[in-house]
Amino acid sequence: MVEAELLSEIREIKERLARIESMLRFIIERNIEEAEPLPDEVEAIKEYEADKEKDKIKLVSLDNILGKKDD
């Protein structure tokens, strides 16, 4: 029973993968381009990059945020 379920799952995964590959081929063949960012997105990116250059943005460890301590 378990083997039949596994085979069924594997078949489903193969089918999904085949559909994804088909979509990727379609995109590549049609050379579908990415959409340009919206004006507010461009502004937000520029603000982020400016703040980063001025050291207003710093990386913070996720462990520090969650309160985890190194062992």
Protein backbone atom coordinates (compact mmCIF):
# COMPACT_ATOMS: atom_id res chain seq x y z
CA MET A 1 0.00 0.00 0.00
CA VAL A 2 2.76 2.44 0.91
CA GLU A 3 4.70 1.62 -2.27
CA ALA A 4 1.63 2.34 -4.40
CA GLU A 5 1.18 5.71 -2.68
CA LEU A 6 4.85 6.56 -3.23
CA LEU A 7 4.63 5.64 -6.90
CA SER A 8 1.53 7.80 -7.24
CA GLU A 9 3.30 10.74 -5.61
CA ILE A 10 6.34 10.27 -7.83
CA ARG A 11 4.14 10.22 -10.95
CA GLU A 12 2.42 13.41 -9.83
CA ILE A 13 5.78 15.11 -9.21
CA LYS A 14 7.01 14.03 -12.65
CA GLU A 15 3.87 15.44 -14.27
CA ARG A 16 4.25 18.76 -12.45
CA LEU A 17 7.93 18.93 -13.40
CA ALA A 18 7.05 18.27 -17.04
CA ARG A 19 4.52 21.14 -16.96
CA ILE A 20 7.10 23.47 -15.40
CA GLU A 21 9.67 22.51 -18.03
CA SER A 22 7.09 23.14 -20.73
CA MET A 23 6.34 26.60 -19.33
CA LEU A 24 10.05 27.42 -19.15
CA ARG A 25 10.54 26.36 -22.77
CA PHE A 26 7.61 28.56 -23.79
CA ILE A 27 9.05 31.55 -21.93
CA ILE A 28 12.50 31.05 -23.44
CA GLU A 29 11.14 30.54 -26.94
CA ARG A 30 8.90 33.60 -26.77
CA ASN A 31 11.64 35.60 -25.06
CA ILE A 32 9.17 37.03 -22.60
CA GLU A 33 10.85 39.93 -20.85
CA GLU A 34 10.53 40.91 -17.24
CA ALA A 35 8.24 43.82 -16.49
CA GLU A 36 9.88 47.11 -15.70
CA PRO A 37 9.58 48.19 -12.06
CA LEU A 38 6.88 50.71 -11.23
CA PRO A 39 7.92 54.30 -10.46
CA ASP A 40 7.32 53.86 -6.72
CA GLU A 41 9.43 50.69 -6.76
CA VAL A 42 12.28 52.55 -8.49
CA GLU A 43 12.06 55.29 -5.86
CA ALA A 44 12.08 52.75 -3.01
CA ILE A 45 15.17 51.05 -4.46
CA LYS A 46 16.98 54.37 -4.80
CA GLU A 47 16.11 55.30 -1.20
CA TYR A 48 17.29 51.90 0.04
CA GLU A 49 20.60 52.18 -1.85
CA ALA A 50 21.16 55.74 -0.56
CA ASP A 51 20.44 54.70 3.03
CA LYS A 52 22.74 51.72 2.63
CA GLU A 53 25.59 53.96 1.43
CA LYS A 54 25.06 56.27 4.44
CA ASP A 55 25.19 53.25 6.81
CA LYS A 56 21.59 53.84 7.87
CA ILE A 57 20.89 50.18 7.11
CA LYS A 58 22.76 47.43 8.89
CA LEU A 59 22.47 43.67 8.81
CA VAL A 60 21.07 42.13 11.96
CA SER A 61 21.39 38.48 12.85
CA LEU A 62 18.09 36.64 12.85
CA ASP A 63 19.27 34.83 15.99
CA ASN A 64 19.55 38.21 17.75
CA ILE A 65 16.02 39.10 16.70
CA LEU A 66 14.67 35.77 17.91
CA GLY A 67 16.68 35.98 21.13
CA LYS A 68 18.74 32.88 20.45
CA LYS A 69 22.21 32.63 21.95
CA ASP A 70 25.25 30.89 20.50
CA ASP A 71 26.14 27.65 22.25
